[in-house]
C-alpha atoms as a PDB file:
ATOM      1  CA  MET A   1       3.587 -19.355 -11.755  1.00  0.00           C
ATOM      2  CA  GLY A   2       6.970 -18.264 -10.460  1.00  0.00           C
ATOM      3  CA  ASP A   3       7.510 -15.701 -13.212  1.00  0.00           C
ATOM      4  CA  LEU A   4       4.156 -13.993 -12.669  1.00  0.00           C
ATOM      5  CA  GLN A   5       4.589 -13.995  -8.904  1.00  0.00           C
ATOM      6  CA  GLU A   6       8.041 -12.433  -9.229  1.00  0.00           C
ATOM      7  CA  ARG A   7       6.591  -9.660 -11.412  1.00  0.00           C
ATOM      8  CA  LEU A   8       3.596  -9.041  -9.168  1.00  0.00           C
ATOM      9  CA  SER A   9       5.023  -5.957  -7.471  1.00  0.00           C
ATOM     10  CA  ASP A  10       5.777  -4.206 -10.777  1.00  0.00           C
ATOM     11  CA  LEU A  11       2.484  -5.298 -12.302  1.00  0.00           C
ATOM     12  CA  LYS A  12       0.606  -3.880  -9.321  1.00  0.00           C
ATOM     13  CA  ILE A  13       1.939  -0.412 -10.113  1.00  0.00           C
ATOM     14  CA  GLU A  14       0.795  -0.730 -13.738  1.00  0.00           C
ATOM     15  CA  TYR A  15      -2.632  -2.084 -12.777  1.00  0.00           C
ATOM     16  CA  LEU A  16      -3.153   0.625 -10.173  1.00  0.00           C
ATOM     17  CA  GLU A  17      -2.268   3.401 -12.617  1.00  0.00           C
ATOM     18  CA  GLN A  18      -4.628   1.992 -15.255  1.00  0.00           C
ATOM     19  CA  HIS A  19      -7.381   1.414 -12.696  1.00  0.00           C
ATOM     20  CA  ASN A  20      -7.181   4.950 -11.310  1.00  0.00           C
ATOM     21  CA  LYS A  21      -7.090   6.454 -14.810  1.00  0.00           C
ATOM     22  CA  ARG A  22     -10.136   4.453 -15.854  1.00  0.00           C
ATOM     23  CA  LYS A  23     -11.993   5.464 -12.696  1.00  0.00           C
ATOM     24  CA  GLU A  24     -11.163   9.110 -13.288  1.00  0.00           C
ATOM     25  CA  GLU A  25     -12.302   9.000 -16.922  1.00  0.00           C
ATOM     26  CA  LYS A  26     -15.281   6.649 -16.698  1.00  0.00           C
ATOM     27  CA  GLY A  27     -16.403   6.739 -13.074  1.00  0.00           C
ATOM     28  CA  GLU A  28     -18.712   4.063 -11.674  1.00  0.00           C
ATOM     29  CA  ASP A  29     -21.664   4.227 -14.026  1.00  0.00           C
ATOM     30  CA  ASP A  30     -20.273   2.998 -17.351  1.00  0.00           C
ATOM     31  CA  PRO A  31     -21.115  -0.725 -17.655  1.00  0.00           C
ATOM     32  CA  ARG A  32     -18.332  -1.160 -20.210  1.00  0.00           C
ATOM     33  CA  THR A  33     -15.791  -0.653 -17.431  1.00  0.00           C
ATOM     34  CA  TRP A  34     -17.257  -3.078 -14.907  1.00  0.00           C
ATOM     35  CA  TYR A  35     -15.521  -6.146 -16.341  1.00  0.00           C
ATOM     36  CA  TRP A  36     -12.261  -4.228 -16.100  1.00  0.00           C
ATOM     37  CA  TYR A  37     -12.974  -3.287 -12.499  1.00  0.00           C
ATOM     38  CA  MET A  38     -13.770  -6.899 -11.597  1.00  0.00           C
ATOM     39  CA  ASP A  39     -10.514  -8.045 -13.167  1.00  0.00           C
ATOM     40  CA  ASP A  40      -8.609  -5.275 -11.394  1.00  0.00           C
ATOM     41  CA  HIS A  41      -9.959  -6.225  -7.980  1.00  0.00           C
ATOM     42  CA  ARG A  42      -9.170  -9.921  -8.516  1.00  0.00           C
ATOM     43  CA  PHE A  43      -5.610  -8.827  -9.246  1.00  0.00           C
ATOM     44  CA  PHE A  44      -5.498  -6.483  -6.247  1.00  0.00           C
ATOM     45  CA  ALA A  45      -6.852  -9.268  -4.017  1.00  0.00           C
ATOM     46  CA  VAL A  46      -3.891 -11.460  -4.924  1.00  0.00           C
ATOM     47  CA  CYS A  47      -1.485  -8.559  -4.422  1.00  0.00           C
ATOM     48  CA  SER A  48      -2.959  -7.836  -0.995  1.00  0.00           C
ATOM     49  CA  TYR A  49      -2.221 -11.328   0.208  1.00  0.00           C
ATOM     50  CA  VAL A  50       0.993 -12.188  -1.639  1.00  0.00           C
ATOM     51  CA  LEU A  51       2.741  -8.815  -1.346  1.00  0.00           C
ATOM     52  CA  ASP A  52       1.262  -7.417   1.867  1.00  0.00           C
ATOM     53  CA  HIS A  53       0.082 -10.569   3.657  1.00  0.00           C
ATOM     54  CA  ASP A  54      -3.226  -8.761   4.120  1.00  0.00           C
ATOM     55  CA  VAL A  55      -5.988 -11.354   4.425  1.00  0.00           C
ATOM     56  CA  GLN A  56      -8.743  -8.814   4.994  1.00  0.00           C
ATOM     57  CA  GLY A  57      -7.522  -6.861   1.976  1.00  0.00           C
ATOM     58  CA  PHE A  58      -7.907 -10.007  -0.125  1.00  0.00           C
ATOM     59  CA  ILE A  59     -11.479 -10.484   1.099  1.00  0.00           C
ATOM     60  CA  ASP A  60     -12.373  -6.814   0.639  1.00  0.00           C
ATOM     61  CA  HIS A  61     -11.183  -6.809  -2.969  1.00  0.00           C
ATOM     62  CA  MET A  62     -13.144  -9.994  -3.690  1.00  0.00           C
ATOM     63  CA  LYS A  63     -16.234  -8.288  -2.279  1.00  0.00           C
ATOM     64  CA  GLN A  64     -15.619  -5.478  -4.755  1.00  0.00           C
ATOM     65  CA  VAL A  65     -15.613  -8.075  -7.534  1.00  0.00           C
ATOM     66  CA  VAL A  66     -19.054  -9.201  -6.357  1.00  0.00           C
ATOM     67  CA  HIS A  67     -20.196  -5.574  -6.125  1.00  0.00           C
ATOM     68  CA  TYR A  68     -19.630  -5.143  -9.869  1.00  0.00           C
ATOM     69  CA  GLN A  69     -21.197  -8.524 -10.584  1.00  0.00           C
ATOM     70  CA  ASN A  70     -24.344  -7.281  -8.891  1.00  0.00           C
ATOM     71  CA  LYS A  71     -24.282  -4.006 -10.804  1.00  0.00           C
ATOM     72  CA  MET A  72     -24.227  -5.985 -14.053  1.00  0.00           C
ATOM     73  CA  LEU A  73     -27.030  -8.226 -12.855  1.00  0.00           C
ATOM     74  CA  ASP A  74     -29.078  -5.149 -11.943  1.00  0.00           C
ATOM     75  CA  LYS A  75     -28.703  -3.981 -15.543  1.00  0.00           C
ATOM     76  CA  ARG A  76     -29.702  -7.422 -16.795  1.00  0.00           C
ATOM     77  CA  ASP A  77     -32.787  -7.535 -14.595  1.00  0.00           C
ATOM     78  CA  ALA A  78     -33.789  -4.062 -15.755  1.00  0.00           C
ATOM     79  CA  GLY A  79     -33.668  -5.304 -19.361  1.00  0.00           C
ATOM     80  CA  GLU A  80     -30.848  -2.943 -20.263  1.00  0.00           C
ATOM     81  CA  TYR A  81     -28.601  -5.639 -21.758  1.00  0.00           C
ATOM     82  CA  PRO A  82     -29.397  -7.414 -25.034  1.00  0.00           C
ATOM     83  CA  GLU A  83     -30.426 -11.049 -24.564  1.00  0.00           C
ATOM     84  CA  ASP A  84     -27.286 -12.347 -26.252  1.00  0.00           C
ATOM     85  CA  TYR A  85     -24.963 -10.285 -24.048  1.00  0.00           C
ATOM     86  CA  GLU A  86     -22.363 -12.635 -22.560  1.00  0.00           C
ATOM     87  CA  PHE A  87     -23.099 -11.888 -18.920  1.00  0.00           C
ATOM     88  CA  VAL A  88     -26.818 -12.493 -19.496  1.00  0.00           C
ATOM     89  CA  SER A  89     -26.654 -15.598 -21.657  1.00  0.00           C
ATOM     90  CA  ALA A  90     -23.778 -17.396 -19.917  1.00  0.00           C
ATOM     91  CA  PRO A  91     -24.288 -19.243 -16.628  1.00  0.00           C
ATOM     92  CA  ALA A  92     -21.340 -17.303 -15.151  1.00  0.00           C
ATOM     93  CA  PHE A  93     -20.586 -20.143 -12.745  1.00  0.00           C
ATOM     94  CA  ASP A  94     -17.066 -18.719 -12.410  1.00  0.00           C
ATOM     95  CA  LYS A  95     -18.635 -15.750 -10.624  1.00  0.00           C
ATOM     96  CA  ILE A  96     -19.972 -18.123  -7.983  1.00  0.00           C
ATOM     97  CA  PHE A  97     -16.457 -19.443  -7.374  1.00  0.00           C
ATOM     98  CA  GLU A  98     -15.276 -15.863  -6.903  1.00  0.00           C
ATOM     99  CA  THR A  99     -18.124 -15.053  -4.530  1.00  0.00           C
ATOM    100  CA  LEU A 100     -17.301 -18.066  -2.352  1.00  0.00           C
ATOM    101  CA  CYS A 101     -13.865 -16.501  -1.833  1.00  0.00           C
ATOM    102  CA  THR A 102     -15.497 -13.575   0.009  1.00  0.00           C
ATOM    103  CA  GLN A 103     -16.540 -15.906   2.871  1.00  0.00           C
ATOM    104  CA  ASP A 104     -19.805 -13.932   3.039  1.00  0.00           C
ATOM    105  CA  LEU A 105     -22.799 -16.284   3.088  1.00  0.00           C
ATOM    106  CA  ASP A 106     -25.327 -13.580   2.264  1.00  0.00           C
ATOM    107  CA  LEU A 107     -23.395 -12.556  -0.847  1.00  0.00           C
ATOM    108  CA  ILE A 108     -22.939 -16.193  -1.842  1.00  0.00           C
ATOM    109  CA  LYS A 109     -26.629 -17.098  -1.552  1.00  0.00           C
ATOM    110  CA  ASN A 110     -27.683 -13.928  -3.339  1.00  0.00           C
ATOM    111  CA  ILE A 111     -25.426 -14.493  -6.358  1.00  0.00           C
ATOM    112  CA  VAL A 112     -26.611 -18.082  -6.838  1.00  0.00           C
ATOM    113  CA  LYS A 113     -30.247 -16.983  -6.608  1.00  0.00           C
ATOM    114  CA  ARG A 114     -29.648 -14.289  -9.206  1.00  0.00           C
ATOM    115  CA  PHE A 115     -28.390 -16.897 -11.672  1.00  0.00           C
ATOM    116  CA  LEU A 116     -31.326 -19.270 -11.123  1.00  0.00           C
ATOM    117  CA  ASN A 117     -33.029 -18.341 -14.388  1.00  0.00           C
ATOM    118  CA  ILE A 118     -30.119 -19.635 -16.479  1.00  0.00           C
ATOM    119  CA  ASN A 119     -31.146 -22.318 -18.980  1.00  0.00           C
ATOM    120  CA  LEU A 120     -28.598 -25.047 -18.267  1.00  0.00           C
ATOM    121  CA  LYS A 121     -29.605 -26.995 -21.385  1.00  0.00           C
ATOM    122  CA  LYS A 122     -27.814 -24.376 -23.463  1.00  0.00           C
ATOM    123  CA  THR A 123     -24.519 -24.590 -21.577  1.00  0.00           C
ATOM    124  CA  GLY A 124     -21.470 -26.832 -21.860  1.00  0.00           C
ATOM    125  CA  PRO A 125     -20.847 -29.716 -19.439  1.00  0.00           C
ATOM    126  CA  LEU A 126     -18.458 -27.811 -17.167  1.00  0.00           C
ATOM    127  CA  ALA A 127     -20.839 -24.910 -16.616  1.00  0.00           C
ATOM    128  CA  LYS A 128     -23.900 -27.147 -16.393  1.00  0.00           C
ATOM    129  CA  HIS A 129     -22.562 -29.518 -13.751  1.00  0.00           C
ATOM    130  CA  CYS A 130     -20.807 -26.889 -11.627  1.00  0.00           C
ATOM    131  CA  HIS A 131     -23.887 -24.693 -11.672  1.00  0.00           C
ATOM    132  CA  LYS A 132     -26.126 -27.602 -10.634  1.00  0.00           C
ATOM    133  CA  ALA A 133     -23.734 -28.463  -7.795  1.00  0.00           C
ATOM    134  CA  PHE A 134     -23.832 -24.877  -6.537  1.00  0.00           C
ATOM    135  CA  ARG A 135     -27.627 -24.839  -6.649  1.00  0.00           C
ATOM    136  CA  LEU A 136     -27.704 -28.101  -4.714  1.00  0.00           C
ATOM    137  CA  PHE A 137     -25.208 -27.133  -2.020  1.00  0.00           C
ATOM    138  CA  ILE A 138     -25.993 -23.442  -1.610  1.00  0.00           C
ATOM    139  CA  LEU A 139     -29.759 -23.367  -2.151  1.00  0.00           C
ATOM    140  CA  GLY A 140     -30.667 -27.014  -1.523  1.00  0.00           C
ATOM    141  CA  GLN A 141     -32.319 -27.589  -4.882  1.00  0.00           C
ATOM    142  CA  ASP A 142     -31.899 -28.897  -8.435  1.00  0.00           C
ATOM    143  CA  GLY A 143     -29.535 -31.793  -7.804  1.00  0.00           C
ATOM    144  CA  THR A 144     -28.922 -35.309  -6.478  1.00  0.00           C
ATOM    145  CA  ARG A 145     -25.984 -37.574  -5.661  1.00  0.00           C
ATOM    146  CA  ALA A 146     -26.534 -39.248  -9.035  1.00  0.00           C
ATOM    147  CA  ASP A 147     -25.860 -35.904 -10.736  1.00  0.00           C
ATOM    148  CA  LEU A 148     -22.475 -35.775  -9.025  1.00  0.00           C
ATOM    149  CA  ASN A 149     -21.706 -39.291 -10.257  1.00  0.00           C
ATOM    150  CA  ASP A 150     -22.579 -38.176 -13.783  1.00  0.00           C
ATOM    151  CA  MET A 151     -20.331 -35.174 -13.317  1.00  0.00           C
ATOM    152  CA  GLU A 152     -17.356 -37.420 -12.526  1.00  0.00           C
ATOM    153  CA  ILE A 153     -18.032 -39.718 -15.496  1.00  0.00           C
ATOM    154  CA  ILE A 154     -18.388 -36.854 -17.979  1.00  0.00           C
ATOM    155  CA  PHE A 155     -15.386 -34.950 -16.647  1.00  0.00           C
ATOM    156  CA  ALA A 156     -13.223 -38.098 -16.710  1.00  0.00           C
ATOM    157  CA  LYS A 157     -14.045 -38.521 -20.405  1.00  0.00           C
ATOM    158  CA  ARG A 158     -14.039 -34.945 -21.635  1.00  0.00           C
ATOM    159  CA  LEU A 159     -12.670 -32.611 -18.951  1.00  0.00           C
ATOM    160  CA  LYS A 160      -9.918 -34.521 -17.163  1.00  0.00           C
ATOM    161  CA  SER A 161      -8.373 -31.454 -15.549  1.00  0.00           C
ATOM    162  CA  TYR A 162     -11.664 -30.827 -13.708  1.00  0.00           C
ATOM    163  CA  VAL A 163     -12.253 -34.323 -12.273  1.00  0.00           C
ATOM    164  CA  GLY A 164     -11.103 -33.131  -8.839  1.00  0.00           C
ATOM    165  CA  TYR A 165     -14.132 -30.849  -8.642  1.00  0.00           C
ATOM    166  CA  ALA A 166     -16.501 -33.782  -9.124  1.00  0.00           C
ATOM    167  CA  LEU A 167     -14.659 -35.794  -6.465  1.00  0.00           C
ATOM    168  CA  CYS A 168     -14.761 -32.917  -3.969  1.00  0.00           C
ATOM    169  CA  PHE A 169     -18.450 -32.252  -4.611  1.00  0.00           C
ATOM    170  CA  GLN A 170     -19.173 -35.948  -4.010  1.00  0.00           C
ATOM    171  CA  ALA A 171     -17.190 -35.802  -0.770  1.00  0.00           C
ATOM    172  CA  ILE A 172     -19.134 -32.750   0.404  1.00  0.00           C
ATOM    173  CA  TYR A 173     -22.392 -34.569  -0.311  1.00  0.00           C
ATOM    174  CA  ASP A 174     -21.160 -37.705   1.502  1.00  0.00           C
ATOM    175  CA  HIS A 175     -19.568 -35.682   4.309  1.00  0.00           C
ATOM    176  CA  ASP A 176     -16.346 -37.625   3.722  1.00  0.00           C
ATOM    177  CA  LYS A 177     -13.243 -35.743   4.844  1.00  0.00           C
ATOM    178  CA  GLU A 178     -10.658 -38.207   3.502  1.00  0.00           C
ATOM    179  CA  LYS A 179     -12.307 -38.357   0.095  1.00  0.00           C
ATOM    180  CA  PHE A 180     -12.414 -34.561  -0.037  1.00  0.00           C
ATOM    181  CA  LEU A 181      -8.696 -34.211   0.683  1.00  0.00           C
ATOM    182  CA  SER A 182      -7.882 -36.830  -1.954  1.00  0.00           C
ATOM    183  CA  GLY A 183     -10.144 -35.088  -4.457  1.00  0.00           C
ATOM    184  CA  PHE A 184      -8.603 -31.745  -3.579  1.00  0.00           C
ATOM    185  CA  ALA A 185      -5.119 -33.028  -4.394  1.00  0.00           C
ATOM    186  CA  THR A 186      -6.494 -34.111  -7.780  1.00  0.00           C
ATOM    187  CA  MET A 187      -8.062 -30.679  -8.196  1.00  0.00           C
ATOM    188  CA  ILE A 188      -4.745 -28.920  -7.569  1.00  0.00           C
ATOM    189  CA  LYS A 189      -2.996 -31.117 -10.138  1.00  0.00           C
ATOM    190  CA  GLY A 190      -5.702 -30.206 -12.630  1.00  0.00           C
ATOM    191  CA  HIS A 191      -5.397 -26.527 -11.761  1.00  0.00           C
ATOM    192  CA  LYS A 192      -1.682 -26.625 -12.504  1.00  0.00           C
ATOM    193  CA  ARG A 193      -2.381 -28.172 -15.910  1.00  0.00           C
ATOM    194  CA  LEU A 194      -4.947 -25.454 -16.562  1.00  0.00           C
ATOM    195  CA  SER A 195      -2.337 -22.841 -15.625  1.00  0.00           C
ATOM    196  CA  THR A 196      -0.032 -23.675 -18.532  1.00  0.00           C
ATOM    197  CA  PRO A 197       0.110 -21.103 -21.362  1.00  0.00           C
ATOM    198  CA  GLN A 198      -2.605 -23.039 -23.233  1.00  0.00           C
ATOM    199  CA  GLY A 199      -4.876 -23.403 -20.183  1.00  0.00           C
ATOM    200  CA  ILE A 200      -7.720 -21.144 -19.104  1.00  0.00           C
ATOM    201  CA  PHE A 201      -5.708 -19.896 -16.117  1.00  0.00           C
ATOM    202  CA  GLY A 202      -2.469 -19.383 -18.037  1.00  0.00           C
ATOM    203  CA  GLY A 203      -1.131 -15.858 -17.646  1.00  0.00           C
ATOM    204  CA  THR A 204      -3.700 -14.936 -14.973  1.00  0.00           C
ATOM    205  CA  VAL A 205      -3.403 -14.411 -11.239  1.00  0.00           C
ATOM    206  CA  ASP A 206      -5.025 -17.830 -10.819  1.00  0.00           C
ATOM    207  CA  GLU A 207      -1.465 -19.060 -11.345  1.00  0.00           C
ATOM    208  CA  VAL A 208      -0.633 -17.485  -7.986  1.00  0.00           C
ATOM    209  CA  ILE A 209      -3.834 -17.975  -5.962  1.00  0.00           C
ATOM    210  CA  ALA A 210      -6.199 -20.729  -7.109  1.00  0.00           C
ATOM    211  CA  PHE A 211      -9.586 -19.046  -6.695  1.00  0.00           C
ATOM    212  CA  TRP A 212     -11.685 -22.029  -7.771  1.00  0.00           C
ATOM    213  CA  PRO A 213     -10.086 -24.610  -5.446  1.00  0.00           C
ATOM    214  CA  LEU A 214     -10.153 -22.048  -2.627  1.00  0.00           C
ATOM    215  CA  ALA A 215     -13.865 -21.602  -3.243  1.00  0.00           C
ATOM    216  CA  VAL A 216     -14.478 -25.358  -3.039  1.00  0.00           C
ATOM    217  CA  VAL A 217     -12.758 -25.600   0.363  1.00  0.00           C
ATOM    218  CA  ASN A 218     -14.876 -22.717   1.635  1.00  0.00           C
ATOM    219  CA  LEU A 219     -17.985 -24.441   0.287  1.00  0.00           C
ATOM    220  CA  ALA A 220     -17.060 -27.675   2.077  1.00  0.00           C
ATOM    221  CA  ARG A 221     -16.605 -25.876   5.380  1.00  0.00           C
ATOM    222  CA  PHE A 222     -19.837 -23.926   4.961  1.00  0.00           C
ATOM    223  CA  LYS A 223     -21.521 -27.311   4.471  1.00  0.00           C
ATOM    224  CA  GLY A 224     -20.104 -28.490   7.796  1.00  0.00           C
ATOM    225  CA  LEU A 225     -17.241 -30.652   6.500  1.00  0.00           C
ATOM    226  CA  ASP A 226     -14.303 -29.956   8.823  1.00  0.00           C
ATOM    227  CA  VAL A 227     -11.496 -29.915   6.270  1.00  0.00           C
ATOM    228  CA  MET A 228      -8.482 -27.648   6.032  1.00  0.00           C
ATOM    229  CA  VAL A 229      -5.701 -27.466   3.457  1.00  0.00           C
ATOM    230  CA  ASP A 230      -2.577 -25.373   3.117  1.00  0.00           C
ATOM    231  CA  TYR A 231      -1.060 -25.226  -0.358  1.00  0.00           C
ATOM    232  CA  PRO A 232       0.984 -22.420  -1.930  1.00  0.00           C
ATOM    233  CA  LEU A 233      -1.936 -21.973  -4.345  1.00  0.00           C
ATOM    234  CA  VAL A 234      -4.539 -22.180  -1.563  1.00  0.00           C
ATOM    235  CA  PRO A 235      -3.108 -20.685   1.640  1.00  0.00           C
ATOM    236  CA  LYS A 236      -4.787 -21.725   4.869  1.00  0.00           C
ATOM    237  CA  GLU A 237      -5.158 -18.090   5.903  1.00  0.00           C
ATOM    238  CA  LEU A 238      -7.562 -17.396   3.023  1.00  0.00           C
ATOM    239  CA  ILE A 239      -9.911 -20.238   3.994  1.00  0.00           C
ATOM    240  CA  THR A 240     -12.981 -19.506   6.095  1.00  0.00           C
ATOM    241  CA  LYS A 241     -12.797 -20.474   9.761  1.00  0.00           C
ATOM    242  CA  GLN A 242     -16.576 -20.870   9.849  1.00  0.00           C
ATOM    243  CA  LEU A 243     -17.954 -24.400   9.918  1.00  0.00           C
ATOM    244  CA  GLY A 244     -21.536 -24.801   8.717  1.00  0.00           C
ATOM    245  CA  GLY A 245     -24.077 -22.147   7.827  1.00  0.00           C
ATOM    246  CA  LEU A 246     -25.372 -23.289   4.444  1.00  0.00           C
ATOM    247  CA  TYR A 247     -28.436 -25.372   3.662  1.00  0.00           C
ATOM    248  CA  ASP A 248     -28.102 -28.939   5.014  1.00  0.00           C
END
């Protein structure tokens, strides 16, 4: 993490040059560039907070990420992507984590609704259980407490670095602050393991700001659980101040 954070200022210059060049050459209407733009804005969000201490800049860039998510979903809904295209066939639960970082309930609800037609039987256990938890907590459907128990059991056997997510989701369901904070500590340990060179977050800005754990804290608060954390990976300033607002 330290190495990437130390290089962030120089990397920002490179990313900005590439982003502006791509925008100049491709504009806004080439779907092939939208993944790049989403990645760019995730990077710029981290730079806004870490380099400039600009909380609103972080949120604004994350909203731009969601903007391009919606553009891709518009293409999907218009039938302009082949059925096996990754964004169409995958549950894209990671996009829901990113949307929770915007702190915008309307955007959050809309993204989850737009992924409702995903066939969870065709997904892996991580995507399946996270997606079901989001449907349960954000839309109030498609899940029970027993599903969250199953999530913990399966993750403990096959996805140990993600067990903290199951524990935090259980705590949100039970409205248990102490259990959430304990589960969150487990989540951060798992995130650090996933941020090694072999992990899914290795070499990404998730080494600097942990988007997924940040999203889970925001979700807990939107569900009325009065928790707050302050970790280097999840700064307190990036967490929503709102308490409640989602389906109870």
